Every structure is written in structure tokens, then in C-alpha cells.
PDB file of N, CA and C in Angstrom:
ATOM      1  N   PHE A   1      29.687  87.854   9.376  1.00  0.00           N
ATOM      2  CA  PHE A   1      28.858  87.092  10.293  1.00  0.00           C
ATOM      3  C   PHE A   1      28.058  87.999  11.224  1.00  0.00           C
ATOM      4  N   ASP A   2      28.653  89.123  11.643  1.00  0.00           N
ATOM      5  CA  ASP A   2      27.943  90.021  12.548  1.00  0.00           C
ATOM      6  C   ASP A   2      26.669  90.568  11.921  1.00  0.00           C
ATOM      7  N   GLN A   3      26.698  90.873  10.619  1.00  0.00           N
ATOM      8  CA  GLN A   3      25.498  91.383   9.963  1.00  0.00           C
ATOM      9  C   GLN A   3      24.393  90.339   9.995  1.00  0.00           C
ATOM     10  N   TRP A   4      24.750  89.067   9.774  1.00  0.00           N
ATOM     11  CA  TRP A   4      23.764  87.996   9.831  1.00  0.00           C
ATOM     12  C   TRP A   4      23.169  87.895  11.230  1.00  0.00           C
ATOM     13  N   SER A   5      24.041  87.911  12.251  1.00  0.00           N
ATOM     14  CA  SER A   5      23.557  87.711  13.614  1.00  0.00           C
ATOM     15  C   SER A   5      22.675  88.861  14.081  1.00  0.00           C
ATOM     16  N   GLU A   6      22.880  90.057  13.543  1.00  0.00           N
ATOM     17  CA  GLU A   6      22.030  91.191  13.907  1.00  0.00           C
ATOM     18  C   GLU A   6      20.606  91.004  13.405  1.00  0.00           C
ATOM     19  N   LEU A   7      20.437  90.224  12.350  1.00  0.00           N
ATOM     20  CA  LEU A   7      19.112  89.992  11.783  1.00  0.00           C
ATOM     21  C   LEU A   7      18.346  88.886  12.500  1.00  0.00           C
ATOM     22  N   MET A   8      19.045  88.053  13.270  1.00  0.00           N
ATOM     23  CA  MET A   8      18.425  86.913  13.926  1.00  0.00           C
ATOM     24  C   MET A   8      17.690  87.338  15.192  1.00  0.00           C
ATOM     25  N   ARG A   9      16.538  86.729  15.429  1.00  0.00           N
ATOM     26  CA  ARG A   9      15.791  86.943  16.667  1.00  0.00           C
ATOM     27  C   ARG A   9      15.865  85.654  17.455  1.00  0.00           C
ATOM     28  N   ILE A  10      16.841  85.569  18.317  1.00  0.00           N
ATOM     29  CA  ILE A  10      17.074  84.364  19.103  1.00  0.00           C
ATOM     30  C   ILE A  10      16.443  84.557  20.476  1.00  0.00           C
ATOM     31  N   GLN A  11      15.785  83.523  20.966  1.00  0.00           N
ATOM     32  CA  GLN A  11      15.162  83.566  22.281  1.00  0.00           C
ATOM     33  C   GLN A  11      15.664  82.396  23.128  1.00  0.00           C
ATOM     34  N   VAL A  12      15.402  82.469  24.426  1.00  0.00           N
ATOM     35  CA  VAL A  12      15.774  81.398  25.337  1.00  0.00           C
ATOM     36  C   VAL A  12      15.175  80.091  24.829  1.00  0.00           C
ATOM     37  N   ASN A  13      15.959  79.024  24.881  1.00  0.00           N
ATOM     38  CA  ASN A  13      15.621  77.669  24.427  1.00  0.00           C
ATOM     39  C   ASN A  13      15.766  77.471  22.923  1.00  0.00           C
ATOM     40  N   ASP A  14      16.155  78.502  22.176  1.00  0.00           N
ATOM     41  CA  ASP A  14      16.500  78.309  20.769  1.00  0.00           C
ATOM     42  C   ASP A  14      17.861  77.626  20.710  1.00  0.00           C
ATOM     43  N   THR A  15      18.163  77.011  19.568  1.00  0.00           N
ATOM     44  CA  THR A  15      19.457  76.344  19.396  1.00  0.00           C
ATOM     45  C   THR A  15      20.112  76.824  18.112  1.00  0.00           C
ATOM     46  N   LEU A  16      21.428  76.680  18.073  1.00  0.00           N
ATOM     47  CA  LEU A  16      22.219  77.013  16.893  1.00  0.00           C
ATOM     48  C   LEU A  16      23.065  75.797  16.569  1.00  0.00           C
ATOM     49  N   LEU A  17      23.004  75.336  15.328  1.00  0.00           N
ATOM     50  CA  LEU A  17      23.761  74.165  14.900  1.00  0.00           C
ATOM     51  C   LEU A  17      24.938  74.621  14.061  1.00  0.00           C
ATOM     52  N   PHE A  18      26.150  74.293  14.510  1.00  0.00           N
ATOM     53  CA  PHE A  18      27.366  74.600  13.771  1.00  0.00           C
ATOM     54  C   PHE A  18      27.772  73.352  12.998  1.00  0.00           C
ATOM     55  N   LYS A  19      27.841  73.452  11.678  1.00  0.00           N
ATOM     56  CA  LYS A  19      28.255  72.337  10.820  1.00  0.00           C
ATOM     57  C   LYS A  19      29.728  72.552  10.505  1.00  0.00           C
ATOM     58  N   ASN A  20      30.590  71.895  11.253  1.00  0.00           N
ATOM     59  CA  ASN A  20      32.038  72.058  11.127  1.00  0.00           C
ATOM     60  C   ASN A  20      32.640  70.972  10.252  1.00  0.00           C
ATOM     61  N   LYS A  21      33.756  71.300   9.601  1.00  0.00           N
ATOM     62  CA  LYS A  21      34.546  70.280   8.897  1.00  0.00           C
ATOM     63  C   LYS A  21      35.420  69.611   9.940  1.00  0.00           C
ATOM     64  N   LYS A  22      35.255  68.307  10.068  1.00  0.00           N
ATOM     65  CA  LYS A  22      35.970  67.563  11.107  1.00  0.00           C
ATOM     66  C   LYS A  22      37.482  67.775  10.988  1.00  0.00           C
ATOM     67  N   GLY A  23      38.092  68.154  12.106  1.00  0.00           N
ATOM     68  CA  GLY A  23      39.526  68.332  12.168  1.00  0.00           C
ATOM     69  C   GLY A  23      40.041  69.670  11.686  1.00  0.00           C
ATOM     70  N   SER A  24      39.162  70.506  11.076  1.00  0.00           N
ATOM     71  CA  SER A  24      39.678  71.780  10.576  1.00  0.00           C
ATOM     72  C   SER A  24      38.911  72.995  11.086  1.00  0.00           C
ATOM     73  N   ASP A  25      37.642  72.850  11.389  1.00  0.00           N
ATOM     74  CA  ASP A  25      36.850  73.979  11.869  1.00  0.00           C
ATOM     75  C   ASP A  25      36.524  73.819  13.346  1.00  0.00           C
ATOM     76  N   VAL A  26      36.660  74.903  14.077  1.00  0.00           N
ATOM     77  CA  VAL A  26      36.310  74.937  15.490  1.00  0.00           C
ATOM     78  C   VAL A  26      35.617  76.269  15.758  1.00  0.00           C
ATOM     79  N   VAL A  27      34.520  76.225  16.496  1.00  0.00           N
ATOM     80  CA  VAL A  27      33.847  77.441  16.931  1.00  0.00           C
ATOM     81  C   VAL A  27      34.003  77.515  18.438  1.00  0.00           C
ATOM     82  N   LEU A  28      34.365  78.701  18.925  1.00  0.00           N
ATOM     83  CA  LEU A  28      34.553  78.902  20.357  1.00  0.00           C
ATOM     84  C   LEU A  28      33.565  79.931  20.869  1.00  0.00           C
ATOM     85  N   GLU A  29      32.990  79.656  22.027  1.00  0.00           N
ATOM     86  CA  GLU A  29      32.256  80.698  22.743  1.00  0.00           C
ATOM     87  C   GLU A  29      33.267  81.352  23.677  1.00  0.00           C
ATOM     88  N   VAL A  30      33.332  82.672  23.641  1.00  0.00           N
ATOM     89  CA  VAL A  30      34.295  83.411  24.459  1.00  0.00           C
ATOM     90  C   VAL A  30      33.602  84.579  25.145  1.00  0.00           C
ATOM     91  N   ASN A  31      34.295  85.186  26.116  1.00  0.00           N
ATOM     92  CA  ASN A  31      33.739  86.384  26.749  1.00  0.00           C
ATOM     93  C   ASN A  31      33.945  87.588  25.829  1.00  0.00           C
ATOM     94  N   LYS A  32      33.335  88.714  26.156  1.00  0.00           N
ATOM     95  CA  LYS A  32      33.356  89.896  25.290  1.00  0.00           C
ATOM     96  C   LYS A  32      34.772  90.416  25.067  1.00  0.00           C
ATOM     97  N   ASP A  33      35.592  90.432  26.099  1.00  0.00           N
ATOM     98  CA  ASP A  33      36.960  90.926  25.965  1.00  0.00           C
ATOM     99  C   ASP A  33      37.763  90.044  25.009  1.00  0.00           C
ATOM    100  N   ASP A  34      37.638  88.721  25.161  1.00  0.00           N
ATOM    101  CA  ASP A  34      38.339  87.804  24.259  1.00  0.00           C
ATOM    102  C   ASP A  34      37.786  87.904  22.836  1.00  0.00           C
ATOM    103  N   TYR A  35      36.494  88.166  22.714  1.00  0.00           N
ATOM    104  CA  TYR A  35      35.887  88.383  21.402  1.00  0.00           C
ATOM    105  C   TYR A  35      36.526  89.587  20.710  1.00  0.00           C
ATOM    106  N   ASP A  36      36.610  90.693  21.439  1.00  0.00           N
ATOM    107  CA  ASP A  36      37.174  91.922  20.870  1.00  0.00           C
ATOM    108  C   ASP A  36      38.625  91.738  20.433  1.00  0.00           C
ATOM    109  N   LYS A  37      39.372  90.951  21.175  1.00  0.00           N
ATOM    110  CA  LYS A  37      40.806  90.758  20.904  1.00  0.00           C
ATOM    111  C   LYS A  37      41.109  89.505  20.079  1.00  0.00           C
ATOM    112  N   CYS A  38      40.085  88.738  19.730  1.00  0.00           N
ATOM    113  CA  CYS A  38      40.273  87.439  19.053  1.00  0.00           C
ATOM    114  C   CYS A  38      41.208  86.546  19.855  1.00  0.00           C
ATOM    115  N   ASN A  39      41.048  86.570  21.159  1.00  0.00           N
ATOM    116  CA  ASN A  39      41.820  85.682  22.036  1.00  0.00           C
ATOM    117  C   ASN A  39      41.106  84.340  22.091  1.00  0.00           C
ATOM    118  N   ILE A  40      41.783  83.291  21.624  1.00  0.00           N
ATOM    119  CA  ILE A  40      41.169  81.958  21.570  1.00  0.00           C
ATOM    120  C   ILE A  40      41.697  81.034  22.662  1.00  0.00           C
ATOM    121  N   ASP A  41      42.473  81.581  23.605  1.00  0.00           N
ATOM    122  CA  ASP A  41      43.147  80.756  24.609  1.00  0.00           C
ATOM    123  C   ASP A  41      42.271  80.351  25.799  1.00  0.00           C
ATOM    124  N   ASN A  42      41.170  81.059  26.053  1.00  0.00           N
ATOM    125  CA  ASN A  42      40.337  80.783  27.228  1.00  0.00           C
ATOM    126  C   ASN A  42      38.863  80.640  26.861  1.00  0.00           C
ATOM    127  N   PRO A  43      38.510  79.680  26.007  1.00  0.00           N
ATOM    128  CA  PRO A  43      37.106  79.589  25.592  1.00  0.00           C
ATOM    129  C   PRO A  43      36.196  79.149  26.738  1.00  0.00           C
ATOM    130  N   ILE A  44      34.984  79.657  26.697  1.00  0.00           N
ATOM    131  CA  ILE A  44      33.941  79.203  27.621  1.00  0.00           C
ATOM    132  C   ILE A  44      33.471  77.819  27.175  1.00  0.00           C
ATOM    133  N   LYS A  45      33.365  77.654  25.852  1.00  0.00           N
ATOM    134  CA  LYS A  45      32.930  76.376  25.277  1.00  0.00           C
ATOM    135  C   LYS A  45      33.604  76.202  23.922  1.00  0.00           C
ATOM    136  N   LYS A  46      34.001  74.969  23.631  1.00  0.00           N
ATOM    137  CA  LYS A  46      34.636  74.630  22.361  1.00  0.00           C
ATOM    138  C   LYS A  46      33.708  73.686  21.604  1.00  0.00           C
ATOM    139  N   MET A  47      33.407  74.035  20.353  1.00  0.00           N
ATOM    140  CA  MET A  47      32.522  73.213  19.532  1.00  0.00           C
ATOM    141  C   MET A  47      33.286  72.775  18.296  1.00  0.00           C
ATOM    142  N   ASP A  48      33.737  71.509  18.296  1.00  0.00           N
ATOM    143  CA  ASP A  48      34.552  71.016  17.188  1.00  0.00           C
ATOM    144  C   ASP A  48      33.982  69.758  16.536  1.00  0.00           C
ATOM    145  N   ASP A  49      32.796  69.349  16.942  1.00  0.00           N
ATOM    146  CA  ASP A  49      32.143  68.211  16.294  1.00  0.00           C
ATOM    147  C   ASP A  49      31.612  68.649  14.931  1.00  0.00           C
ATOM    148  N   GLU A  50      31.328  67.677  14.070  1.00  0.00           N
ATOM    149  CA  GLU A  50      30.758  67.998  12.760  1.00  0.00           C
ATOM    150  C   GLU A  50      29.393  68.665  12.898  1.00  0.00           C
ATOM    151  N   ASN A  51      28.646  68.310  13.919  1.00  0.00           N
ATOM    152  CA  ASN A  51      27.337  68.903  14.191  1.00  0.00           C
ATOM    153  C   ASN A  51      27.301  69.323  15.655  1.00  0.00           C
ATOM    154  N   SER A  52      27.788  70.506  15.940  1.00  0.00           N
ATOM    155  CA  SER A  52      27.803  71.017  17.312  1.00  0.00           C
ATOM    156  C   SER A  52      26.566  71.870  17.547  1.00  0.00           C
ATOM    157  N   VAL A  53      25.820  71.535  18.580  1.00  0.00           N
ATOM    158  CA  VAL A  53      24.596  72.262  18.900  1.00  0.00           C
ATOM    159  C   VAL A  53      24.848  73.142  20.112  1.00  0.00           C
ATOM    160  N   TYR A  54      24.444  74.402  19.997  1.00  0.00           N
ATOM    161  CA  TYR A  54      24.553  75.328  21.119  1.00  0.00           C
ATOM    162  C   TYR A  54      23.140  75.676  21.567  1.00  0.00           C
ATOM    163  N   ASP A  55      22.851  75.474  22.854  1.00  0.00           N
ATOM    164  CA  ASP A  55      21.542  75.795  23.423  1.00  0.00           C
ATOM    165  C   ASP A  55      21.618  77.126  24.147  1.00  0.00           C
ATOM    166  N   PHE A  56      20.750  78.043  23.780  1.00  0.00           N
ATOM    167  CA  PHE A  56      20.669  79.332  24.469  1.00  0.00           C
ATOM    168  C   PHE A  56      19.731  79.164  25.659  1.00  0.00           C
ATOM    169  N   ASP A  57      20.312  79.107  26.858  1.00  0.00           N
ATOM    170  CA  ASP A  57      19.545  78.777  28.048  1.00  0.00           C
ATOM    171  C   ASP A  57      19.250  79.970  28.956  1.00  0.00           C
ATOM    172  N   ARG A  58      19.625  81.165  28.501  1.00  0.00           N
ATOM    173  CA  ARG A  58      19.392  82.361  29.322  1.00  0.00           C
ATOM    174  C   ARG A  58      19.396  83.591  28.428  1.00  0.00           C
ATOM    175  N   LEU A  59      18.956  84.709  28.981  1.00  0.00           N
ATOM    176  CA  LEU A  59      19.026  85.986  28.275  1.00  0.00           C
ATOM    177  C   LEU A  59      20.461  86.500  28.306  1.00  0.00           C
ATOM    178  N   GLY A  60      20.826  87.321  27.343  1.00  0.00           N
ATOM    179  CA  GLY A  60      22.136  87.955  27.357  1.00  0.00           C
ATOM    180  C   GLY A  60      22.845  87.863  26.021  1.00  0.00           C
ATOM    181  N   SER A  61      24.113  88.263  26.023  1.00  0.00           N
ATOM    182  CA  SER A  61      24.952  88.239  24.824  1.00  0.00           C
ATOM    183  C   SER A  61      25.855  87.014  24.842  1.00  0.00           C
ATOM    184  N   PHE A  62      26.021  86.402  23.674  1.00  0.00           N
ATOM    185  CA  PHE A  62      26.863  85.227  23.512  1.00  0.00           C
ATOM    186  C   PHE A  62      27.833  85.524  22.373  1.00  0.00           C
ATOM    187  N   CYS A  63      29.132  85.416  22.656  1.00  0.00           N
ATOM    188  CA  CYS A  63      30.170  85.758  21.677  1.00  0.00           C
ATOM    189  C   CYS A  63      30.806  84.491  21.126  1.00  0.00           C
ATOM    190  N   PHE A  64      30.877  84.395  19.798  1.00  0.00           N
ATOM    191  CA  PHE A  64      31.449  83.233  19.123  1.00  0.00           C
ATOM    192  C   PHE A  64      32.552  83.688  18.180  1.00  0.00           C
ATOM    193  N   VAL A  65      33.655  82.928  18.165  1.00  0.00           N
ATOM    194  CA  VAL A  65      34.774  83.222  17.261  1.00  0.00           C
ATOM    195  C   VAL A  65      35.256  81.923  16.622  1.00  0.00           C
ATOM    196  N   SER A  66      35.950  82.082  15.504  1.00  0.00           N
ATOM    197  CA  SER A  66      36.622  80.941  14.896  1.00  0.00           C
ATOM    198  C   SER A  66      37.749  80.507  15.814  1.00  0.00           C
ATOM    199  N   GLY A  67      37.986  79.199  15.873  1.00  0.00           N
ATOM    200  CA  GLY A  67      39.106  78.688  16.653  1.00  0.00           C
ATOM    201  C   GLY A  67      40.451  78.963  15.998  1.00  0.00           C
ATOM    202  N   ASN A  68      40.430  79.507  14.790  1.00  0.00           N
ATOM    203  CA  ASN A  68      41.638  79.918  14.075  1.00  0.00           C
ATOM    204  C   ASN A  68      41.774  81.436  14.264  1.00  0.00           C
ATOM    205  N   LYS A  69      42.799  81.865  14.991  1.00  0.00           N
ATOM    206  CA  LYS A  69      42.952  83.277  15.329  1.00  0.00           C
ATOM    207  C   LYS A  69      42.985  84.169  14.085  1.00  0.00           C
ATOM    208  N   ASP A  70      43.668  83.730  13.021  1.00  0.00           N
ATOM    209  CA  ASP A  70      43.731  84.530  11.794  1.00  0.00           C
ATOM    210  C   ASP A  70      42.345  84.711  11.176  1.00  0.00           C
ATOM    211  N   LYS A  71      41.538  83.629  11.168  1.00  0.00           N
ATOM    212  CA  LYS A  71      40.177  83.730  10.635  1.00  0.00           C
ATOM    213  C   LYS A  71      39.322  84.656  11.491  1.00  0.00           C
ATOM    214  N   CYS A  72      39.527  84.594  12.803  1.00  0.00           N
ATOM    215  CA  CYS A  72      38.799  85.491  13.702  1.00  0.00           C
ATOM    216  C   CYS A  72      39.125  86.941  13.362  1.00  0.00           C
ATOM    217  N   LYS A  73      40.413  87.236  13.196  1.00  0.00           N
ATOM    218  CA  LYS A  73      40.838  88.608  12.871  1.00  0.00           C
ATOM    219  C   LYS A  73      40.310  89.059  11.508  1.00  0.00           C
ATOM    220  N   GLU A  74      40.030  88.082  10.614  1.00  0.00           N
ATOM    221  CA  GLU A  74      39.457  88.393   9.304  1.00  0.00           C
ATOM    222  C   GLU A  74      37.946  88.585   9.371  1.00  0.00           C
ATOM    223  N   GLY A  75      37.369  88.405  10.560  1.00  0.00           N
ATOM    224  CA  GLY A  75      35.939  88.665  10.735  1.00  0.00           C
ATOM    225  C   GLY A  75      35.066  87.460  10.971  1.00  0.00           C
ATOM    226  N   GLN A  76      35.650  86.276  11.115  1.00  0.00           N
ATOM    227  CA  GLN A  76      34.833  85.099  11.385  1.00  0.00           C
ATOM    228  C   GLN A  76      34.520  85.042  12.879  1.00  0.00           C
ATOM    229  N   LYS A  77      33.630  85.920  13.271  1.00  0.00           N
ATOM    230  CA  LYS A  77      33.163  86.005  14.651  1.00  0.00           C
ATOM    231  C   LYS A  77      31.820  86.721  14.646  1.00  0.00           C
ATOM    232  N   PHE A  78      31.019  86.465  15.660  1.00  0.00           N
ATOM    233  CA  PHE A  78      29.726  87.139  15.764  1.00  0.00           C
ATOM    234  C   PHE A  78      29.206  87.067  17.190  1.00  0.00           C
ATOM    235  N   VAL A  79      28.268  87.954  17.474  1.00  0.00           N
ATOM    236  CA  VAL A  79      27.611  88.019  18.774  1.00  0.00           C
ATOM    237  C   VAL A  79      26.123  87.758  18.561  1.00  0.00           C
ATOM    238  N   ILE A  80      25.563  86.919  19.406  1.00  0.00           N
ATOM    239  CA  ILE A  80      24.117  86.672  19.409  1.00  0.00           C
ATOM    240  C   ILE A  80      23.562  87.272  20.695  1.00  0.00           C
ATOM    241  N   VAL A  81      22.512  88.068  20.560  1.00  0.00           N
ATOM    242  CA  VAL A  81      21.832  88.623  21.729  1.00  0.00           C
ATOM    243  C   VAL A  81      20.507  87.897  21.884  1.00  0.00           C
ATOM    244  N   VAL A  82      20.344  87.253  23.019  1.00  0.00           N
ATOM    245  CA  VAL A  82      19.100  86.547  23.320  1.00  0.00           C
ATOM    246  C   VAL A  82      18.187  87.523  24.045  1.00  0.00           C
ATOM    247  N   ALA A  83      17.061  87.795  23.413  1.00  0.00           N
ATOM    248  CA  ALA A  83      16.119  88.774  23.935  1.00  0.00           C
ATOM    249  C   ALA A  83      15.012  88.068  24.715  1.00  0.00           C
ATOM    250  N   ALA A  84      14.284  88.864  25.462  1.00  0.00           N
ATOM    251  CA  ALA A  84      13.153  88.335  26.213  1.00  0.00           C
ATOM    252  C   ALA A  84      12.112  87.808  25.243  1.00  0.00           C
ATOM    253  N   GLU A  85      11.410  86.798  25.672  1.00  0.00           N
ATOM    254  CA  GLU A  85      10.370  86.191  24.857  1.00  0.00           C
ATOM    255  C   GLU A  85       9.276  87.204  24.572  1.00  0.00           C
ATOM    256  N   VAL A  86       8.803  87.204  23.344  1.00  0.00           N
ATOM    257  CA  VAL A  86       7.733  88.114  22.940  1.00  0.00           C
ATOM    258  C   VAL A  86       6.422  87.363  23.021  1.00  0.00           C
ATOM    259  N   ARG A  87       5.515  87.907  23.764  1.00  0.00           N
ATOM    260  CA  ARG A  87       4.177  87.314  23.854  1.00  0.00           C
ATOM    261  C   ARG A  87       3.172  88.341  23.373  1.00  0.00           C
ATOM    262  N   LEU A  88       2.399  87.959  22.393  1.00  0.00           N
ATOM    263  CA  LEU A  88       1.364  88.828  21.867  1.00  0.00           C
ATOM    264  C   LEU A  88       0.021  88.276  22.303  1.00  0.00           C
ATOM    265  N   SER A  89      -0.790  89.121  22.856  1.00  0.00           N
ATOM    266  CA  SER A  89      -2.136  88.671  23.193  1.00  0.00           C
ATOM    267  C   SER A  89      -3.102  89.793  22.851  1.00  0.00           C
ATOM    268  N   PRO A  90      -4.101  89.486  22.077  1.00  0.00           N
ATOM    269  CA  PRO A  90      -5.052  90.506  21.657  1.00  0.00           C
ATOM    270  C   PRO A  90      -5.960  90.915  22.810  1.00  0.00           C
ATOM    271  N   SER A  91      -6.461  92.127  22.720  1.00  0.00           N
ATOM    272  CA  SER A  91      -7.427  92.600  23.703  1.00  0.00           C
ATOM    273  C   SER A  91      -8.812  92.199  23.217  1.00  0.00           C
ATOM    274  N   VAL A  92      -9.351  91.159  23.829  1.00  0.00           N
ATOM    275  CA  VAL A  92     -10.676  90.680  23.437  1.00  0.00           C
ATOM    276  C   VAL A  92     -11.494  90.407  24.689  1.00  0.00           C
ATOM    277  N   SER A  93     -12.790  90.528  24.532  1.00  0.00           N
ATOM    278  CA  SER A  93     -13.674  90.254  25.656  1.00  0.00           C
ATOM    279  C   SER A  93     -13.879  88.757  25.800  1.00  0.00           C
ATOM    280  N   LYS A  94     -14.466  88.344  26.920  1.00  0.00           N
ATOM    281  CA  LYS A  94     -14.720  86.925  27.157  1.00  0.00           C
ATOM    282  C   LYS A  94     -15.642  86.352  26.073  1.00  0.00           C
ATOM    283  N   GLU A  95     -16.614  87.150  25.637  1.00  0.00           N
ATOM    284  CA  GLU A  95     -17.525  86.686  24.600  1.00  0.00           C
ATOM    285  C   GLU A  95     -16.774  86.464  23.286  1.00  0.00           C
ATOM    286  N   ASP A  96     -15.855  87.379  22.964  1.00  0.00           N
ATOM    287  CA  ASP A  96     -15.069  87.218  21.738  1.00  0.00           C
ATOM    288  C   ASP A  96     -14.203  85.970  21.803  1.00  0.00           C
ATOM    289  N   LYS A  97     -13.649  85.659  22.965  1.00  0.00           N
ATOM    290  CA  LYS A  97     -12.807  84.474  23.102  1.00  0.00           C
ATOM    291  C   LYS A  97     -13.602  83.206  22.823  1.00  0.00           C
ATOM    292  N   GLU A  98     -14.867  83.208  23.243  1.00  0.00           N
ATOM    293  CA  GLU A  98     -15.692  82.032  23.017  1.00  0.00           C
ATOM    294  C   GLU A  98     -16.023  81.873  21.538  1.00  0.00           C
ATOM    295  N   GLU A  99     -16.177  82.992  20.802  1.00  0.00           N
ATOM    296  CA  GLU A  99     -16.495  82.934  19.386  1.00  0.00           C
ATOM    297  C   GLU A  99     -15.267  82.645  18.530  1.00  0.00           C
ATOM    298  N   HIS A 100     -14.151  83.256  18.832  1.00  0.00           N
ATOM    299  CA  HIS A 100     -12.948  83.158  18.013  1.00  0.00           C
ATOM    300  C   HIS A 100     -11.871  82.420  18.790  1.00  0.00           C
ATOM    301  N   HIS A 101     -11.367  81.372  18.217  1.00  0.00           N
ATOM    302  CA  HIS A 101     -10.397  80.535  18.908  1.00  0.00           C
ATOM    303  C   HIS A 101      -8.976  80.721  18.406  1.00  0.00           C
ATOM    304  N   THR A 102      -8.729  81.776  17.657  1.00  0.00           N
ATOM    305  CA  THR A 102      -7.381  82.042  17.157  1.00  0.00           C
ATOM    306  C   THR A 102      -6.786  83.195  17.958  1.00  0.00           C
ATOM    307  N   PHE A 103      -5.651  82.942  18.572  1.00  0.00           N
ATOM    308  CA  PHE A 103      -4.970  83.959  19.359  1.00  0.00           C
ATOM    309  C   PHE A 103      -3.522  84.036  18.916  1.00  0.00           C
ATOM    310  N   LEU A 104      -2.960  85.212  18.922  1.00  0.00           N
ATOM    311  CA  LEU A 104      -1.562  85.397  18.560  1.00  0.00           C
ATOM    312  C   LEU A 104      -0.714  85.318  19.814  1.00  0.00           C
ATOM    313  N   THR A 105      -0.126  84.178  20.030  1.00  0.00           N
ATOM    314  CA  THR A 105       0.790  84.015  21.154  1.00  0.00           C
ATOM    315  C   THR A 105       1.989  83.241  20.674  1.00  0.00           C
ATOM    316  N   ARG A 106       3.115  83.537  21.262  1.00  0.00           N
ATOM    317  CA  ARG A 106       4.313  82.749  20.965  1.00  0.00           C
ATOM    318  C   ARG A 106       4.800  82.203  22.282  1.00  0.00           C
ATOM    319  N   GLN A 107       4.770  80.903  22.389  1.00  0.00           N
ATOM    320  CA  GLN A 107       5.281  80.250  23.574  1.00  0.00           C
ATOM    321  C   GLN A 107       6.356  79.279  23.141  1.00  0.00           C
ATOM    322  N   GLN A 108       7.501  79.347  23.789  1.00  0.00           N
ATOM    323  CA  GLN A 108       8.642  78.507  23.442  1.00  0.00           C
ATOM    324  C   GLN A 108       8.825  77.484  24.552  1.00  0.00           C
ATOM    325  N   SER A 109       8.983  76.251  24.168  1.00  0.00           N
ATOM    326  CA  SER A 109       9.303  75.222  25.141  1.00  0.00           C
ATOM    327  C   SER A 109      10.457  74.408  24.584  1.00  0.00           C
ATOM    328  N   LYS A 110      11.058  73.568  25.415  1.00  0.00           N
ATOM    329  CA  LYS A 110      12.170  72.748  24.939  1.00  0.00           C
ATOM    330  C   LYS A 110      11.732  71.828  23.808  1.00  0.00           C
ATOM    331  N   GLU A 111      10.459  71.433  23.791  1.00  0.00           N
ATOM    332  CA  GLU A 111       9.963  70.569  22.734  1.00  0.00           C
ATOM    333  C   GLU A 111       9.709  71.367  21.459  1.00  0.00           C
ATOM    334  N   ASP A 112       9.589  72.682  21.565  1.00  0.00           N
ATOM    335  CA  ASP A 112       9.241  73.547  20.448  1.00  0.00           C
ATOM    336  C   ASP A 112      10.390  74.522  20.181  1.00  0.00           C
ATOM    337  N   LYS A 113      11.604  73.996  20.064  1.00  0.00           N
ATOM    338  CA  LYS A 113      12.778  74.838  19.864  1.00  0.00           C
ATOM    339  C   LYS A 113      12.851  75.326  18.429  1.00  0.00           C
ATOM    340  N   LYS A 114      13.404  76.511  18.275  1.00  0.00           N
ATOM    341  CA  LYS A 114      13.719  77.024  16.950  1.00  0.00           C
ATOM    342  C   LYS A 114      15.206  76.823  16.751  1.00  0.00           C
ATOM    343  N   SER A 115      15.596  76.248  15.645  1.00  0.00           N
ATOM    344  CA  SER A 115      17.004  75.978  15.381  1.00  0.00           C
ATOM    345  C   SER A 115      17.470  76.745  14.161  1.00  0.00           C
ATOM    346  N   THR A 116      18.702  77.167  14.194  1.00  0.00           N
ATOM    347  CA  THR A 116      19.350  77.815  13.066  1.00  0.00           C
ATOM    348  C   THR A 116      20.618  77.043  12.779  1.00  0.00           C
ATOM    349  N   ILE A 117      20.889  76.823  11.508  1.00  0.00           N
ATOM    350  CA  ILE A 117      22.055  76.035  11.113  1.00  0.00           C
ATOM    351  C   ILE A 117      23.087  76.946  10.463  1.00  0.00           C
ATOM    352  N   LEU A 118      24.326  76.855  10.924  1.00  0.00           N
ATOM    353  CA  LEU A 118      25.443  77.560  10.309  1.00  0.00           C
ATOM    354  C   LEU A 118      26.402  76.543   9.746  1.00  0.00           C
ATOM    355  N   SER A 119      26.848  76.750   8.535  1.00  0.00           N
ATOM    356  CA  SER A 119      27.871  75.852   7.969  1.00  0.00           C
ATOM    357  C   SER A 119      28.898  76.663   7.214  1.00  0.00           C
TER     358      SER A 119
END
């Protein structure tokens, strides 16, 4: 899971959907120390619904582990790093802006969320 999460570019207001098997799968958000030790006793958040959505509402690192300690120790855990929003804007003059109406910008809003599904 860690290799997958390293490839993801998650930003503030993106969401992650956990598709759990009801009654058997649980995903926990934990602090870094509990992540390292696979300690499942003090979760920050517990996601055990069949469709649990996690909203990334700030910059920083978010640690997730399986609610099954043995599965966590087997590697069912990952960290997501939410990076600052990337904004691209070309260097163009005012005259160019009037002629060309295509600009490379990425703006994220709650209505324009990017979602990733894990199952």
C-alpha cells in the first residue's frame, strides 16, 4: 500500500473512498507513532462503513492502518502526504490574454473534489 500512496498526488479537499466488507474490514487513521507500531487502540478516526469517505481538509501527513493488527503488521498500512496546491500560470502579456483564452491553472474547490477509491 505504501508504494501506491507514494504515487498519489493528494491535495486539500481531495477525498479517499474506502470500500470495506461490512463487519470484517476496518480502516483506522492513527498518529505516526501508532502507525509505526501498528497500535490500533487509539485511532483518530475509525472507518468501518461499506463506503467510508475520508476528506483531506489540511496539509500534512495522514497515517492509515488496517483495524486488524496482524494485517497491519503484514503491511496493510499507508501514509498519504497532502501537498500544497499546485497552480500553474503562464507568463503572458495582457494582449496575449485577450487573444488566447486557454490558461493552465488548477483550482480545487469542494464542488470540484478529486476522489480515489480503495477496495
